[in-house]
Amino acid sequence: QVQLVESGGGLVQAGGSLRLSCAVSGRTSSRYVMGWFRQAPGKEREFVATISRVGDSTSYSSSVKGRFTISRDNAENTVYLQMNSLKVEDTAVYYCAAMYGMIVAADGVSYWGKGTLVTVSS
């Protein structure tokens, strides 16, 4: 069993930046493809980004590509999401996810964190 704990969410103005962290425990993070998903109020949970087990491959949704960067430090069992040029529409609860493949569908995720709220004000 693996546990995922997100941190780093908060309130930021449009155009600002935040860095989310996901601490992985229970099993070494290098066993899993890691990713971030988000869920805005009244909407379904959606894919944001994934990163391969050794960090040599990444994938992003079209809505965040060029603004967000996913990275990982397997020695520290931590995954990051650097979010720049934030927009009001990025407001959501952001969830860390552990998977067995480069999956973009929420129903393919094996483990979820509890989420961290990001609010972007205009």
C-alpha atoms as a PDB file:
ATOM      1  CA  GLN A   1       0.000   0.000   0.000  1.00  0.00           C
ATOM      2  CA  VAL A   2       1.250   3.479  -0.807  1.00  0.00           C
ATOM      3  CA  GLN A   3       0.246   6.744   0.816  1.00  0.00           C
ATOM      4  CA  LEU A   4       0.305  10.085  -0.991  1.00  0.00           C
ATOM      5  CA  VAL A   5       0.207  13.437   0.804  1.00  0.00           C
ATOM      6  CA  GLU A   6      -0.049  16.678  -1.158  1.00  0.00           C
ATOM      7  CA  SER A   7       1.056  20.099   0.042  1.00  0.00           C
ATOM      8  CA  GLY A   8       1.691  23.554  -1.354  1.00  0.00           C
ATOM      9  CA  GLY A   9      -1.792  24.640  -2.343  1.00  0.00           C
ATOM     10  CA  GLY A  10      -3.165  28.044  -1.507  1.00  0.00           C
ATOM     11  CA  LEU A  11      -4.472  31.342  -2.833  1.00  0.00           C
ATOM     12  CA  VAL A  12      -2.577  33.090  -5.599  1.00  0.00           C
ATOM     13  CA  GLN A  13      -3.343  35.899  -8.020  1.00  0.00           C
ATOM     14  CA  ALA A  14      -3.704  35.240 -11.726  1.00  0.00           C
ATOM     15  CA  GLY A  15      -0.285  35.231 -13.358  1.00  0.00           C
ATOM     16  CA  GLY A  16       1.380  33.946 -10.219  1.00  0.00           C
ATOM     17  CA  SER A  17       3.095  30.672  -9.415  1.00  0.00           C
ATOM     18  CA  LEU A  18       2.772  27.812  -6.968  1.00  0.00           C
ATOM     19  CA  ARG A  19       4.667  24.576  -6.460  1.00  0.00           C
ATOM     20  CA  LEU A  20       2.806  21.530  -5.274  1.00  0.00           C
ATOM     21  CA  SER A  21       4.561  18.633  -3.593  1.00  0.00           C
ATOM     22  CA  CYS A  22       3.478  15.042  -3.125  1.00  0.00           C
ATOM     23  CA  ALA A  23       5.203  12.949  -0.474  1.00  0.00           C
ATOM     24  CA  VAL A  24       5.109   9.222  -1.193  1.00  0.00           C
ATOM     25  CA  SER A  25       5.353   6.696   1.620  1.00  0.00           C
ATOM     26  CA  GLY A  26       4.700   3.034   2.163  1.00  0.00           C
ATOM     27  CA  ARG A  27       6.529   1.948  -0.950  1.00  0.00           C
ATOM     28  CA  THR A  28       9.302   3.558  -2.913  1.00  0.00           C
ATOM     29  CA  SER A  29       7.980   6.062  -5.409  1.00  0.00           C
ATOM     30  CA  SER A  30      10.128   4.661  -8.215  1.00  0.00           C
ATOM     31  CA  ARG A  31       7.717   1.694  -8.457  1.00  0.00           C
ATOM     32  CA  TYR A  32       5.073   3.969  -9.919  1.00  0.00           C
ATOM     33  CA  VAL A  33       4.356   6.342 -12.709  1.00  0.00           C
ATOM     34  CA  MET A  34       3.243   9.470 -10.877  1.00  0.00           C
ATOM     35  CA  GLY A  35       0.812  12.128 -11.899  1.00  0.00           C
ATOM     36  CA  TRP A  36      -1.390  15.041 -11.002  1.00  0.00           C
ATOM     37  CA  PHE A  37      -5.097  15.386 -11.611  1.00  0.00           C
ATOM     38  CA  ARG A  38      -7.458  18.174 -10.647  1.00  0.00           C
ATOM     39  CA  GLN A  39     -11.137  18.656  -9.953  1.00  0.00           C
ATOM     40  CA  ALA A  40     -12.884  21.998 -10.160  1.00  0.00           C
ATOM     41  CA  PRO A  41     -16.245  22.586  -8.433  1.00  0.00           C
ATOM     42  CA  GLY A  42     -19.045  20.884 -10.333  1.00  0.00           C
ATOM     43  CA  LYS A  43     -16.664  19.232 -12.785  1.00  0.00           C
ATOM     44  CA  GLU A  44     -15.164  15.796 -13.227  1.00  0.00           C
ATOM     45  CA  ARG A  45     -11.643  15.005 -12.155  1.00  0.00           C
ATOM     46  CA  GLU A  46      -9.275  15.631 -15.056  1.00  0.00           C
ATOM     47  CA  PHE A  47      -5.736  14.735 -16.031  1.00  0.00           C
ATOM     48  CA  VAL A  48      -3.034  17.381 -15.572  1.00  0.00           C
ATOM     49  CA  ALA A  49       0.376  15.701 -15.950  1.00  0.00           C
ATOM     50  CA  THR A  50       2.261  12.438 -15.592  1.00  0.00           C
ATOM     51  CA  ILE A  51       5.909  11.499 -15.248  1.00  0.00           C
ATOM     52  CA  SER A  52       7.584   8.145 -15.876  1.00  0.00           C
ATOM     53  CA  ARG A  53       9.215   6.068 -13.155  1.00  0.00           C
ATOM     54  CA  VAL A  54      12.691   7.488 -13.742  1.00  0.00           C
ATOM     55  CA  GLY A  55      11.522  10.914 -14.849  1.00  0.00           C
ATOM     56  CA  ASP A  56      12.643  10.695 -18.469  1.00  0.00           C
ATOM     57  CA  SER A  57       9.180  11.062 -19.956  1.00  0.00           C
ATOM     58  CA  THR A  58       6.368  13.478 -19.170  1.00  0.00           C
ATOM     59  CA  SER A  59       2.910  14.170 -20.495  1.00  0.00           C
ATOM     60  CA  TYR A  60       0.633  17.180 -20.026  1.00  0.00           C
ATOM     61  CA  SER A  61      -2.910  18.162 -20.757  1.00  0.00           C
ATOM     62  CA  SER A  62      -3.234  20.760 -23.463  1.00  0.00           C
ATOM     63  CA  SER A  63      -4.667  23.258 -20.969  1.00  0.00           C
ATOM     64  CA  VAL A  64      -1.482  23.346 -18.857  1.00  0.00           C
ATOM     65  CA  LYS A  65       1.264  22.494 -21.343  1.00  0.00           C
ATOM     66  CA  GLY A  66       3.917  25.187 -21.384  1.00  0.00           C
ATOM     67  CA  ARG A  67       2.846  26.556 -17.993  1.00  0.00           C
ATOM     68  CA  PHE A  68       3.133  23.566 -15.654  1.00  0.00           C
ATOM     69  CA  THR A  69       6.114  21.285 -15.079  1.00  0.00           C
ATOM     70  CA  ILE A  70       6.013  17.905 -13.364  1.00  0.00           C
ATOM     71  CA  SER A  71       9.168  16.501 -11.798  1.00  0.00           C
ATOM     72  CA  ARG A  72      10.192  13.878  -9.290  1.00  0.00           C
ATOM     73  CA  ASP A  73      12.963  13.112  -6.831  1.00  0.00           C
ATOM     74  CA  ASN A  74      12.959   9.367  -6.222  1.00  0.00           C
ATOM     75  CA  ALA A  75      15.655   9.666  -3.568  1.00  0.00           C
ATOM     76  CA  GLU A  76      13.255  11.858  -1.595  1.00  0.00           C
ATOM     77  CA  ASN A  77      10.113   9.960  -2.681  1.00  0.00           C
ATOM     78  CA  THR A  78       8.578  13.246  -3.744  1.00  0.00           C
ATOM     79  CA  VAL A  79       6.786  14.458  -6.843  1.00  0.00           C
ATOM     80  CA  TYR A  80       6.366  18.113  -7.735  1.00  0.00           C
ATOM     81  CA  LEU A  81       4.119  20.226  -9.902  1.00  0.00           C
ATOM     82  CA  GLN A  82       5.475  23.674 -10.698  1.00  0.00           C
ATOM     83  CA  MET A  83       2.606  25.863 -11.852  1.00  0.00           C
ATOM     84  CA  ASN A  84       3.399  29.162 -13.558  1.00  0.00           C
ATOM     85  CA  SER A  85       1.242  31.789 -15.257  1.00  0.00           C
ATOM     86  CA  LEU A  86      -1.735  30.583 -13.281  1.00  0.00           C
ATOM     87  CA  LYS A  87      -5.207  31.374 -14.564  1.00  0.00           C
ATOM     88  CA  VAL A  88      -8.526  31.651 -12.759  1.00  0.00           C
ATOM     89  CA  GLU A  89      -9.631  28.476 -14.543  1.00  0.00           C
ATOM     90  CA  ASP A  90      -6.793  26.553 -12.867  1.00  0.00           C
ATOM     91  CA  THR A  91      -8.734  26.817  -9.601  1.00  0.00           C
ATOM     92  CA  ALA A  92      -9.338  23.255  -8.390  1.00  0.00           C
ATOM     93  CA  VAL A  93      -8.407  20.619  -5.871  1.00  0.00           C
ATOM     94  CA  TYR A  94      -5.197  19.034  -7.119  1.00  0.00           C
ATOM     95  CA  TYR A  95      -4.664  15.335  -6.486  1.00  0.00           C
ATOM     96  CA  CYS A  96      -1.456  13.353  -6.561  1.00  0.00           C
ATOM     97  CA  ALA A  97      -1.785   9.961  -8.224  1.00  0.00           C
ATOM     98  CA  ALA A  98       0.270   6.774  -8.438  1.00  0.00           C
ATOM     99  CA  MET A  99      -0.198   4.522 -11.442  1.00  0.00           C
ATOM    100  CA  TYR A 100       1.292   1.556 -13.266  1.00  0.00           C
ATOM    101  CA  GLY A 101       1.355   3.243 -16.645  1.00  0.00           C
ATOM    102  CA  MET A 102       1.296   6.663 -18.317  1.00  0.00           C
ATOM    103  CA  ILE A 103      -2.439   6.906 -17.794  1.00  0.00           C
ATOM    104  CA  VAL A 104      -4.537   9.983 -18.430  1.00  0.00           C
ATOM    105  CA  ALA A 105      -7.882   8.623 -17.253  1.00  0.00           C
ATOM    106  CA  ALA A 106      -8.789   9.021 -13.600  1.00  0.00           C
ATOM    107  CA  ASP A 107     -10.281   5.529 -13.452  1.00  0.00           C
ATOM    108  CA  GLY A 108      -6.852   4.097 -14.277  1.00  0.00           C
ATOM    109  CA  VAL A 109      -5.204   5.501 -11.165  1.00  0.00           C
ATOM    110  CA  SER A 110      -4.212   2.998  -8.495  1.00  0.00           C
ATOM    111  CA  TYR A 111      -3.661   5.330  -5.549  1.00  0.00           C
ATOM    112  CA  TRP A 112      -4.862   8.846  -4.751  1.00  0.00           C
ATOM    113  CA  GLY A 113      -3.850  11.513  -2.290  1.00  0.00           C
ATOM    114  CA  LYS A 114      -6.510  13.532  -0.482  1.00  0.00           C
ATOM    115  CA  GLY A 115      -5.858  16.662  -2.511  1.00  0.00           C
ATOM    116  CA  THR A 116      -4.742  20.226  -1.983  1.00  0.00           C
ATOM    117  CA  LEU A 117      -6.807  23.274  -2.935  1.00  0.00           C
ATOM    118  CA  VAL A 118      -5.438  25.821  -5.389  1.00  0.00           C
ATOM    119  CA  THR A 119      -7.423  29.022  -5.751  1.00  0.00           C
ATOM    120  CA  VAL A 120      -6.461  31.562  -8.398  1.00  0.00           C
ATOM    121  CA  SER A 121      -8.018  34.986  -8.024  1.00  0.00           C
ATOM    122  CA  SER A 122      -8.470  37.570 -10.775  1.00  0.00           C
END
